[in-house]
Amino acid sequence: MALSTVTDSRSPSSGPARDNRPLVLVVDDEESYRQALVSGLQREGFAVEIAGDGHEALRVFHRVHPDLVLLDVMLPDQSGIELCQQMRALKPVPIIMVTARDSEVDVVLGLELGASDYVAKPFRLRELVARMRAVLRRGVAVAEPHEEVLALGPIRLDAGRREVTVHERPVELSRKEFDLLGLLMSHSGQVVTREWCIDRLWWDQELTDTRTLDTHIERLRRKIEPEPANPRHLVTVRGVGFRFEA
């Protein structure tokens, strides 16, 4: 499928010249979807390039060096997840997967292989734009740097398998519980502020207080602490945040 360039301030031969708008590469094989996104995103202040398949997407990616990629999982010539890996190997650009495939398996696989976020069709443009701006604010390093496996005291967290064991017994955690535990364990012995936790894990929501975070901490304590009412591992630092102790 031929590439259609729709940015309104550059020509394809303009090389590296860029204006001040964030440049988004939209990769999707549905022309009507691409054109609708072009119109909506340009109104929201983005510059847009589009591609209809993986081959053209890589060609444009090399030419324009986008600030963010909106990537469909189902492309005619290759898997969007495979393309995500290829793009991330070339440049650590934020990638948001936008697709009708919204099963938990697809979501987890996409995020673990480098996507910054995952939005299911149909979606509201306002929600998508909010997620895009949040990802751009956070930059590329959206995931906390951590080892593939963290083993601290009796608790073992395997990031690749998304598994947690306590005293070698498996513990079932929700996605947010797992991510919160991983965030705290990756900063073992250090205070992680409430604001930092919320910014990293609930960046797409406008939380006016920390009750959601407190609820997840309480649930984690019930699952990993020998005495949840007197926690040894998930320690509260009053007025500041939390600290993981092995």
Foldseek 3Di string as FASTA:
>chain_A
DDWDFDFDPDDLPRFADDDPAAEEEEEAQDPVVVVVCCVLVVVVRHGYTYYDALVVSVVVCVGHVGQEYEFEQDGPPDGRLVSQLVSCVVPLHAYEYEYQPDDPVVQLSSVVSQHLYYHYPPDDPVLVVLVVVLDSVVGSPLADDDDCWQDAQQWIAHNVVRWIDGVNHTFDDDPLLSSLVVVQSRVAPDFDFLVNSCSNRVVSDDDPDRPVVVVSLLVNLVGHAPDSVDRDAWAADPPGGTHGYD
